[in-house]
Amino acid sequence: MGKVDKREIIIDNAVAVFAEKGYYKATTAMVAKAAAVTQPYVFHFFKNKEELFKAVLDRAFYRIHDRFMEIEAPAEQLVEAMGHEFFEVINQHRDEVLMVMQAYTIPEPFIRNHVSELYQLIYDSLVRKFDAVGIKHPEMHASQFIGTGLLITLSEVLNMPNLIQHMKGC
């Protein structure tokens, strides 16, 4: 198994550990045990827990971002199609998505700044995509779309489906 494969296995297991324990209670030793590697081997790929968490966030954010950018639909159907895609990503990668959608709550400056950059990337990409298909007020729609994603996340985390039951396709 190659180094890239081992790195991905470590990230996969880190998702599970961070999802179960939370950022502060999770340790690189727990991740190493879950990945069936030594803790020094984790440090071969990631210099510390923050870098490992950043890798988890990057994978999840880019998974969401790339899925949104792949959608092609006319203006009147684009937001709904992207909403359906968000639910698909949640169904396929629930822990990853919920972790990334809540990462802004972690007050560590390194993480907070990184999450801010990732959310800005998604916002900017949404604005460009909405503008390209002729959606009026693309900035407003991008903000609303992100806000809706956060509401969906809240609904999932708190097991409160009534928060989103009025949305189409829920």
N, C-alpha and C. Protein backbone atom coordinates (compact mmCIF):
# COMPACT_ATOMS: atom_id res chain seq x y z
N MET A 1 0.85 -1.17 0.00
CA MET A 1 0.00 0.00 0.00
C MET A 1 0.89 1.23 0.00
N GLY A 2 0.60 2.19 -0.87
CA GLY A 2 1.42 3.37 -1.02
C GLY A 2 1.20 4.39 0.09
N LYS A 3 2.11 5.37 0.13
CA LYS A 3 2.00 6.42 1.14
C LYS A 3 0.71 7.21 1.00
N VAL A 4 0.29 7.46 -0.23
CA VAL A 4 -0.96 8.20 -0.44
C VAL A 4 -2.13 7.41 0.13
N ASP A 5 -2.12 6.10 -0.10
CA ASP A 5 -3.19 5.25 0.43
C ASP A 5 -3.19 5.28 1.96
N LYS A 6 -2.02 5.17 2.57
CA LYS A 6 -1.94 5.19 4.04
C LYS A 6 -2.39 6.55 4.58
N ARG A 7 -2.01 7.61 3.89
CA ARG A 7 -2.45 8.95 4.30
C ARG A 7 -3.97 9.03 4.28
N GLU A 8 -4.57 8.52 3.23
CA GLU A 8 -6.04 8.54 3.11
C GLU A 8 -6.69 7.67 4.18
N ILE A 9 -6.08 6.54 4.49
CA ILE A 9 -6.61 5.68 5.55
C ILE A 9 -6.56 6.42 6.89
N ILE A 10 -5.48 7.12 7.13
CA ILE A 10 -5.37 7.91 8.36
C ILE A 10 -6.46 8.98 8.40
N ILE A 11 -6.67 9.68 7.28
CA ILE A 11 -7.71 10.71 7.23
C ILE A 11 -9.09 10.09 7.44
N ASP A 12 -9.35 8.96 6.78
CA ASP A 12 -10.64 8.27 6.96
C ASP A 12 -10.90 7.98 8.43
N ASN A 13 -9.91 7.45 9.10
CA ASN A 13 -10.07 7.11 10.51
C ASN A 13 -10.12 8.35 11.39
N ALA A 14 -9.42 9.39 10.99
CA ALA A 14 -9.48 10.65 11.75
C ALA A 14 -10.89 11.22 11.71
N VAL A 15 -11.57 11.11 10.57
CA VAL A 15 -12.96 11.57 10.48
C VAL A 15 -13.80 10.89 11.55
N ALA A 16 -13.68 9.58 11.64
CA ALA A 16 -14.47 8.82 12.61
C ALA A 16 -14.12 9.22 14.04
N VAL A 17 -12.84 9.37 14.32
CA VAL A 17 -12.41 9.72 15.68
C VAL A 17 -12.86 11.13 16.05
N PHE A 18 -12.62 12.09 15.16
CA PHE A 18 -13.05 13.47 15.44
C PHE A 18 -14.57 13.56 15.56
N ALA A 19 -15.28 12.82 14.73
CA ALA A 19 -16.75 12.84 14.79
C ALA A 19 -17.25 12.28 16.11
N GLU A 20 -16.60 11.23 16.60
CA GLU A 20 -17.04 10.60 17.85
C GLU A 20 -16.60 11.39 19.08
N LYS A 21 -15.35 11.83 19.08
CA LYS A 21 -14.76 12.44 20.28
C LYS A 21 -14.82 13.97 20.29
N GLY A 22 -14.93 14.56 19.11
CA GLY A 22 -14.81 16.02 19.03
C GLY A 22 -13.35 16.40 18.88
N TYR A 23 -13.11 17.61 18.45
CA TYR A 23 -11.75 18.06 18.19
C TYR A 23 -10.88 17.99 19.44
N TYR A 24 -11.38 18.48 20.56
CA TYR A 24 -10.56 18.60 21.75
C TYR A 24 -10.26 17.27 22.44
N LYS A 25 -11.17 16.34 22.39
CA LYS A 25 -10.95 15.05 23.07
C LYS A 25 -10.24 14.03 22.18
N ALA A 26 -10.28 14.23 20.89
CA ALA A 26 -9.59 13.31 19.97
C ALA A 26 -8.09 13.51 20.09
N THR A 27 -7.36 12.41 19.96
CA THR A 27 -5.90 12.48 19.98
C THR A 27 -5.34 11.78 18.75
N THR A 28 -4.10 12.12 18.42
CA THR A 28 -3.45 11.44 17.31
C THR A 28 -3.22 9.97 17.65
N ALA A 29 -3.07 9.65 18.93
CA ALA A 29 -2.92 8.25 19.34
C ALA A 29 -4.20 7.47 19.03
N MET A 30 -5.35 8.08 19.26
CA MET A 30 -6.63 7.43 18.93
C MET A 30 -6.75 7.21 17.42
N VAL A 31 -6.34 8.21 16.67
CA VAL A 31 -6.39 8.09 15.20
C VAL A 31 -5.46 6.98 14.74
N ALA A 32 -4.25 6.94 15.29
CA ALA A 32 -3.29 5.90 14.92
C ALA A 32 -3.85 4.52 15.22
N LYS A 33 -4.43 4.35 16.39
CA LYS A 33 -5.00 3.06 16.76
C LYS A 33 -6.12 2.68 15.79
N ALA A 34 -7.01 3.62 15.49
CA ALA A 34 -8.12 3.34 14.57
C ALA A 34 -7.63 3.00 13.17
N ALA A 35 -6.52 3.62 12.76
CA ALA A 35 -5.97 3.39 11.42
C ALA A 35 -5.02 2.20 11.37
N ALA A 36 -4.77 1.59 12.53
CA ALA A 36 -3.85 0.46 12.64
C ALA A 36 -2.44 0.82 12.18
N VAL A 37 -2.01 2.01 12.61
CA VAL A 37 -0.64 2.46 12.36
C VAL A 37 -0.09 2.99 13.68
N THR A 38 1.20 3.29 13.71
CA THR A 38 1.78 3.86 14.92
C THR A 38 1.55 5.37 14.93
N GLN A 39 1.59 5.94 16.12
CA GLN A 39 1.44 7.39 16.22
C GLN A 39 2.57 8.12 15.48
N PRO A 40 3.83 7.66 15.56
CA PRO A 40 4.87 8.31 14.77
C PRO A 40 4.57 8.29 13.26
N TYR A 41 3.88 7.23 12.81
CA TYR A 41 3.53 7.17 11.39
C TYR A 41 2.50 8.24 11.03
N VAL A 42 1.59 8.53 11.94
CA VAL A 42 0.65 9.64 11.73
C VAL A 42 1.43 10.93 11.57
N PHE A 43 2.44 11.11 12.44
CA PHE A 43 3.26 12.33 12.38
C PHE A 43 4.16 12.38 11.14
N HIS A 44 4.34 11.26 10.48
CA HIS A 44 5.06 11.25 9.21
C HIS A 44 4.29 12.07 8.16
N PHE A 45 2.98 12.04 8.23
CA PHE A 45 2.13 12.75 7.27
C PHE A 45 1.63 14.09 7.78
N PHE A 46 1.44 14.19 9.08
CA PHE A 46 0.84 15.39 9.68
C PHE A 46 1.67 15.80 10.89
N LYS A 47 2.14 17.05 10.92
CA LYS A 47 3.06 17.44 11.99
C LYS A 47 2.40 17.53 13.36
N ASN A 48 1.06 17.67 13.38
CA ASN A 48 0.35 17.73 14.66
C ASN A 48 -1.15 17.48 14.43
N LYS A 49 -1.90 17.49 15.50
CA LYS A 49 -3.34 17.23 15.41
C LYS A 49 -4.03 18.30 14.56
N GLU A 50 -3.59 19.54 14.67
CA GLU A 50 -4.20 20.62 13.90
C GLU A 50 -4.06 20.38 12.40
N GLU A 51 -2.88 19.94 11.98
CA GLU A 51 -2.66 19.66 10.55
C GLU A 51 -3.52 18.48 10.09
N LEU A 52 -3.67 17.48 10.93
CA LEU A 52 -4.52 16.35 10.60
C LEU A 52 -5.97 16.80 10.48
N PHE A 53 -6.43 17.61 11.41
CA PHE A 53 -7.81 18.11 11.36
C PHE A 53 -8.00 18.97 10.11
N LYS A 54 -7.00 19.77 9.79
CA LYS A 54 -7.07 20.59 8.57
C LYS A 54 -7.22 19.70 7.34
N ALA A 55 -6.51 18.59 7.29
CA ALA A 55 -6.62 17.66 6.15
C ALA A 55 -8.02 17.06 6.07
N VAL A 56 -8.59 16.74 7.22
CA VAL A 56 -9.97 16.23 7.26
C VAL A 56 -10.92 17.29 6.72
N LEU A 57 -10.76 18.52 7.19
CA LEU A 57 -11.63 19.61 6.73
C LEU A 57 -11.47 19.86 5.24
N ASP A 58 -10.23 19.87 4.77
CA ASP A 58 -9.98 20.12 3.34
C ASP A 58 -10.68 19.08 2.48
N ARG A 59 -10.55 17.83 2.85
CA ARG A 59 -11.17 16.79 2.04
C ARG A 59 -12.68 16.98 2.00
N ALA A 60 -13.28 17.24 3.14
CA ALA A 60 -14.73 17.40 3.20
C ALA A 60 -15.18 18.66 2.45
N PHE A 61 -14.51 19.78 2.66
CA PHE A 61 -14.89 21.01 1.98
C PHE A 61 -14.78 20.86 0.47
N TYR A 62 -13.67 20.29 0.01
CA TYR A 62 -13.50 20.15 -1.44
C TYR A 62 -14.45 19.12 -2.02
N ARG A 63 -14.83 18.14 -1.25
CA ARG A 63 -15.85 17.18 -1.71
C ARG A 63 -17.16 17.93 -1.97
N ILE A 64 -17.56 18.76 -1.01
CA ILE A 64 -18.79 19.54 -1.15
C ILE A 64 -18.64 20.54 -2.29
N HIS A 65 -17.57 21.29 -2.28
CA HIS A 65 -17.32 22.31 -3.31
C HIS A 65 -17.35 21.71 -4.71
N ASP A 66 -16.61 20.63 -4.89
CA ASP A 66 -16.51 20.03 -6.23
C ASP A 66 -17.85 19.48 -6.69
N ARG A 67 -18.61 18.89 -5.79
CA ARG A 67 -19.93 18.38 -6.17
C ARG A 67 -20.83 19.54 -6.61
N PHE A 68 -20.78 20.65 -5.89
CA PHE A 68 -21.59 21.81 -6.28
C PHE A 68 -21.15 22.35 -7.65
N MET A 69 -19.87 22.41 -7.88
CA MET A 69 -19.37 22.99 -9.13
C MET A 69 -19.65 22.09 -10.34
N GLU A 70 -19.82 20.80 -10.11
CA GLU A 70 -20.12 19.87 -11.21
C GLU A 70 -21.56 19.96 -11.70
N ILE A 71 -22.44 20.53 -10.91
CA ILE A 71 -23.86 20.58 -11.28
C ILE A 71 -24.07 21.58 -12.39
N GLU A 72 -24.76 21.11 -13.41
CA GLU A 72 -25.15 21.99 -14.51
C GLU A 72 -26.66 21.97 -14.60
N ALA A 73 -27.25 23.14 -14.46
CA ALA A 73 -28.71 23.27 -14.52
C ALA A 73 -29.04 24.71 -14.88
N PRO A 74 -30.21 24.91 -15.47
CA PRO A 74 -30.63 26.29 -15.76
C PRO A 74 -30.85 27.07 -14.46
N ALA A 75 -30.81 28.37 -14.56
CA ALA A 75 -30.91 29.25 -13.38
C ALA A 75 -32.07 28.88 -12.47
N GLU A 76 -33.23 28.61 -13.05
CA GLU A 76 -34.42 28.35 -12.24
C GLU A 76 -34.37 27.00 -11.51
N GLN A 77 -33.42 26.14 -11.87
CA GLN A 77 -33.32 24.82 -11.24
C GLN A 77 -32.01 24.61 -10.47
N LEU A 78 -31.08 25.53 -10.63
CA LEU A 78 -29.74 25.32 -10.08
C LEU A 78 -29.71 25.22 -8.56
N VAL A 79 -30.32 26.15 -7.86
CA VAL A 79 -30.26 26.14 -6.40
C VAL A 79 -30.89 24.87 -5.85
N GLU A 80 -32.03 24.48 -6.40
CA GLU A 80 -32.69 23.25 -5.94
C GLU A 80 -31.82 22.03 -6.24
N ALA A 81 -31.21 21.98 -7.42
CA ALA A 81 -30.35 20.85 -7.77
C ALA A 81 -29.15 20.77 -6.82
N MET A 82 -28.60 21.92 -6.48
CA MET A 82 -27.47 21.94 -5.55
C MET A 82 -27.91 21.54 -4.15
N GLY A 83 -29.11 21.93 -3.76
CA GLY A 83 -29.64 21.51 -2.47
C GLY A 83 -29.80 20.00 -2.39
N HIS A 84 -30.33 19.41 -3.46
CA HIS A 84 -30.46 17.95 -3.50
C HIS A 84 -29.08 17.29 -3.42
N GLU A 85 -28.10 17.89 -4.09
CA GLU A 85 -26.74 17.34 -4.06
C GLU A 85 -26.16 17.41 -2.64
N PHE A 86 -26.46 18.49 -1.92
CA PHE A 86 -25.98 18.61 -0.54
C PHE A 86 -26.53 17.48 0.32
N PHE A 87 -27.82 17.17 0.15
CA PHE A 87 -28.41 16.05 0.89
C PHE A 87 -27.74 14.73 0.50
N GLU A 88 -27.40 14.57 -0.77
CA GLU A 88 -26.70 13.35 -1.21
C GLU A 88 -25.34 13.23 -0.54
N VAL A 89 -24.61 14.35 -0.49
CA VAL A 89 -23.29 14.33 0.15
C VAL A 89 -23.44 13.99 1.63
N ILE A 90 -24.45 14.56 2.28
CA ILE A 90 -24.69 14.23 3.70
C ILE A 90 -24.98 12.75 3.85
N ASN A 91 -25.82 12.21 2.98
CA ASN A 91 -26.15 10.78 3.07
C ASN A 91 -24.94 9.89 2.87
N GLN A 92 -24.01 10.30 2.01
CA GLN A 92 -22.84 9.48 1.70
C GLN A 92 -21.68 9.69 2.67
N HIS A 93 -21.57 10.90 3.22
CA HIS A 93 -20.40 11.25 4.05
C HIS A 93 -20.86 12.07 5.26
N ARG A 94 -21.81 11.55 5.99
CA ARG A 94 -22.47 12.31 7.06
C ARG A 94 -21.49 12.90 8.07
N ASP A 95 -20.63 12.08 8.67
CA ASP A 95 -19.72 12.58 9.70
C ASP A 95 -18.82 13.68 9.16
N GLU A 96 -18.30 13.46 7.97
CA GLU A 96 -17.41 14.43 7.35
C GLU A 96 -18.11 15.77 7.15
N VAL A 97 -19.30 15.73 6.57
CA VAL A 97 -20.03 16.96 6.27
C VAL A 97 -20.44 17.68 7.55
N LEU A 98 -20.97 16.95 8.51
CA LEU A 98 -21.39 17.60 9.75
C LEU A 98 -20.20 18.21 10.48
N MET A 99 -19.07 17.53 10.45
CA MET A 99 -17.88 18.07 11.10
C MET A 99 -17.44 19.36 10.43
N VAL A 100 -17.41 19.36 9.13
CA VAL A 100 -16.93 20.53 8.41
C VAL A 100 -17.92 21.70 8.52
N MET A 101 -19.20 21.40 8.56
CA MET A 101 -20.19 22.47 8.65
C MET A 101 -20.23 23.09 10.05
N GLN A 102 -19.64 22.40 11.04
CA GLN A 102 -19.60 22.94 12.40
C GLN A 102 -18.20 23.41 12.80
N ALA A 103 -17.24 23.25 11.93
CA ALA A 103 -15.85 23.54 12.28
C ALA A 103 -15.62 25.01 12.64
N TYR A 104 -16.48 25.89 12.15
CA TYR A 104 -16.32 27.31 12.46
C TYR A 104 -16.49 27.59 13.95
N THR A 105 -17.05 26.65 14.70
CA THR A 105 -17.26 26.85 16.14
C THR A 105 -16.00 26.58 16.97
N ILE A 106 -14.98 26.01 16.37
CA ILE A 106 -13.73 25.72 17.09
C ILE A 106 -12.92 27.02 17.16
N PRO A 107 -12.63 27.51 18.36
CA PRO A 107 -12.01 28.83 18.49
C PRO A 107 -10.51 28.90 18.23
N GLU A 108 -9.86 27.77 17.99
CA GLU A 108 -8.41 27.80 17.74
C GLU A 108 -8.15 28.66 16.50
N PRO A 109 -7.29 29.68 16.61
CA PRO A 109 -7.08 30.60 15.48
C PRO A 109 -6.66 29.89 14.18
N PHE A 110 -5.79 28.90 14.29
CA PHE A 110 -5.32 28.19 13.10
C PHE A 110 -6.50 27.55 12.36
N ILE A 111 -7.38 26.93 13.12
CA ILE A 111 -8.54 26.26 12.52
C ILE A 111 -9.56 27.28 12.06
N ARG A 112 -9.86 28.24 12.92
CA ARG A 112 -10.86 29.26 12.57
C ARG A 112 -10.47 29.99 11.28
N ASN A 113 -9.22 30.37 11.15
CA ASN A 113 -8.76 31.06 9.94
C ASN A 113 -8.87 30.17 8.71
N HIS A 114 -8.51 28.91 8.87
CA HIS A 114 -8.58 27.98 7.75
C HIS A 114 -10.03 27.76 7.31
N VAL A 115 -10.91 27.58 8.29
CA VAL A 115 -12.33 27.38 7.98
C VAL A 115 -12.89 28.63 7.30
N SER A 116 -12.50 29.79 7.76
CA SER A 116 -12.95 31.04 7.14
C SER A 116 -12.54 31.10 5.67
N GLU A 117 -11.30 30.71 5.39
CA GLU A 117 -10.83 30.69 4.00
C GLU A 117 -11.63 29.70 3.16
N LEU A 118 -11.95 28.55 3.72
CA LEU A 118 -12.72 27.54 2.97
C LEU A 118 -14.15 28.00 2.71
N TYR A 119 -14.78 28.59 3.72
CA TYR A 119 -16.13 29.12 3.51
C TYR A 119 -16.12 30.25 2.49
N GLN A 120 -15.08 31.08 2.52
CA GLN A 120 -14.97 32.16 1.53
C GLN A 120 -14.84 31.57 0.13
N LEU A 121 -14.08 30.50 -0.01
CA LEU A 121 -13.94 29.84 -1.30
C LEU A 121 -15.29 29.33 -1.81
N ILE A 122 -16.05 28.69 -0.93
CA ILE A 122 -17.36 28.20 -1.34
C ILE A 122 -18.27 29.36 -1.70
N TYR A 123 -18.27 30.41 -0.88
CA TYR A 123 -19.11 31.58 -1.17
C TYR A 123 -18.74 32.18 -2.53
N ASP A 124 -17.46 32.43 -2.75
CA ASP A 124 -17.02 33.03 -4.02
C ASP A 124 -17.38 32.14 -5.21
N SER A 125 -17.21 30.84 -5.05
CA SER A 125 -17.54 29.90 -6.13
C SER A 125 -19.04 29.90 -6.41
N LEU A 126 -19.85 29.95 -5.36
CA LEU A 126 -21.31 30.00 -5.55
C LEU A 126 -21.71 31.28 -6.25
N VAL A 127 -21.14 32.40 -5.84
CA VAL A 127 -21.46 33.68 -6.48
C VAL A 127 -21.15 33.61 -7.97
N ARG A 128 -19.97 33.11 -8.32
CA ARG A 128 -19.59 33.00 -9.74
C ARG A 128 -20.53 32.06 -10.49
N LYS A 129 -20.87 30.94 -9.88
CA LYS A 129 -21.74 29.96 -10.54
C LYS A 129 -23.13 30.54 -10.74
N PHE A 130 -23.68 31.17 -9.71
CA PHE A 130 -25.01 31.77 -9.82
C PHE A 130 -25.02 32.89 -10.85
N ASP A 131 -23.97 33.71 -10.83
CA ASP A 131 -23.88 34.81 -11.79
C ASP A 131 -23.77 34.29 -13.22
N ALA A 132 -23.00 33.21 -13.41
CA ALA A 132 -22.79 32.66 -14.75
C ALA A 132 -24.07 32.15 -15.39
N VAL A 133 -25.03 31.70 -14.58
CA VAL A 133 -26.29 31.20 -15.15
C VAL A 133 -27.37 32.28 -15.16
N GLY A 134 -27.02 33.47 -14.71
CA GLY A 134 -27.97 34.58 -14.77
C GLY A 134 -28.89 34.74 -13.58
N ILE A 135 -28.52 34.16 -12.45
CA ILE A 135 -29.33 34.36 -11.24
C ILE A 135 -29.08 35.78 -10.74
N LYS A 136 -30.17 36.53 -10.56
CA LYS A 136 -30.04 37.90 -10.07
C LYS A 136 -29.63 37.88 -8.60
N HIS A 137 -28.84 38.86 -8.22
CA HIS A 137 -28.35 39.00 -6.85
C HIS A 137 -27.61 37.73 -6.40
N PRO A 138 -26.57 37.33 -7.13
CA PRO A 138 -25.88 36.08 -6.80
C PRO A 138 -25.27 36.07 -5.40
N GLU A 139 -24.83 37.23 -4.90
CA GLU A 139 -24.26 37.29 -3.55
C GLU A 139 -25.30 36.93 -2.50
N MET A 140 -26.51 37.47 -2.67
CA MET A 140 -27.59 37.18 -1.73
C MET A 140 -27.94 35.69 -1.77
N HIS A 141 -28.03 35.14 -2.97
CA HIS A 141 -28.38 33.72 -3.10
C HIS A 141 -27.28 32.82 -2.54
N ALA A 142 -26.01 33.22 -2.72
CA ALA A 142 -24.90 32.44 -2.16
C ALA A 142 -24.98 32.45 -0.63
N SER A 143 -25.24 33.61 -0.05
CA SER A 143 -25.37 33.71 1.41
C SER A 143 -26.53 32.87 1.91
N GLN A 144 -27.66 32.94 1.23
CA GLN A 144 -28.83 32.16 1.63
C GLN A 144 -28.56 30.67 1.50
N PHE A 145 -27.86 30.28 0.45
CA PHE A 145 -27.56 28.87 0.24
C PHE A 145 -26.68 28.33 1.37
N ILE A 146 -25.65 29.08 1.73
CA ILE A 146 -24.78 28.66 2.84
C ILE A 146 -25.58 28.63 4.14
N GLY A 147 -26.40 29.64 4.37
CA GLY A 147 -27.24 29.67 5.57
C GLY A 147 -28.17 28.47 5.65
N THR A 148 -28.73 28.09 4.52
CA THR A 148 -29.60 26.92 4.47
C THR A 148 -28.81 25.66 4.79
N GLY A 149 -27.59 25.57 4.28
CA GLY A 149 -26.73 24.42 4.59
C GLY A 149 -26.45 24.32 6.08
N LEU A 150 -26.22 25.47 6.72
CA LEU A 150 -25.99 25.47 8.16
C LEU A 150 -27.26 25.06 8.92
N LEU A 151 -28.42 25.48 8.44
CA LEU A 151 -29.69 25.07 9.06
C LEU A 151 -29.90 23.57 8.92
N ILE A 152 -29.59 23.04 7.76
CA ILE A 152 -29.70 21.59 7.54
C ILE A 152 -28.77 20.85 8.49
N THR A 153 -27.56 21.37 8.66
CA THR A 153 -26.60 20.76 9.58
C THR A 153 -27.13 20.78 11.01
N LEU A 154 -27.67 21.91 11.42
CA LEU A 154 -28.25 22.02 12.76
C LEU A 154 -29.37 21.00 12.94
N SER A 155 -30.20 20.87 11.94
CA SER A 155 -31.30 19.91 11.98
C SER A 155 -30.77 18.48 12.15
N GLU A 156 -29.70 18.16 11.43
CA GLU A 156 -29.10 16.82 11.51
C GLU A 156 -28.47 16.57 12.88
N VAL A 157 -27.67 17.53 13.35
CA VAL A 157 -26.94 17.36 14.60
C VAL A 157 -27.90 17.23 15.79
N LEU A 158 -28.95 18.05 15.79
CA LEU A 158 -29.88 18.05 16.92
C LEU A 158 -31.05 17.09 16.73
N ASN A 159 -31.04 16.37 15.61
CA ASN A 159 -32.13 15.45 15.28
C ASN A 159 -33.48 16.17 15.36
N MET A 160 -33.54 17.30 14.66
CA MET A 160 -34.75 18.12 14.62
C MET A 160 -35.21 18.30 13.17
N PRO A 161 -35.74 17.25 12.56
CA PRO A 161 -36.14 17.36 11.15
C PRO A 161 -37.21 18.43 10.91
N ASN A 162 -37.94 18.81 11.96
CA ASN A 162 -38.95 19.84 11.79
C ASN A 162 -38.35 21.19 11.37
N LEU A 163 -37.06 21.41 11.62
CA LEU A 163 -36.42 22.65 11.20
C LEU A 163 -36.38 22.80 9.68
N ILE A 164 -36.36 21.66 8.99
CA ILE A 164 -36.23 21.73 7.53
C ILE A 164 -37.37 21.05 6.79
N GLN A 165 -38.41 20.65 7.49
CA GLN A 165 -39.49 19.90 6.84
C GLN A 165 -40.20 20.71 5.77
N HIS A 166 -40.14 22.02 5.84
CA HIS A 166 -40.80 22.86 4.84
C HIS A 166 -40.02 22.96 3.53
N MET A 167 -38.76 22.50 3.55
CA MET A 167 -37.93 22.59 2.34
C MET A 167 -38.32 21.51 1.35
N LYS A 168 -38.28 21.86 0.09
CA LYS A 168 -38.59 20.89 -0.97
C LYS A 168 -37.60 19.74 -0.93
N GLY A 169 -38.09 18.55 -1.08
CA GLY A 169 -37.22 17.39 -1.18
C GLY A 169 -36.71 16.85 0.14
N CYS A 170 -37.15 17.38 1.25
CA CYS A 170 -36.69 16.90 2.56
C CYS A 170 -37.59 15.80 3.06
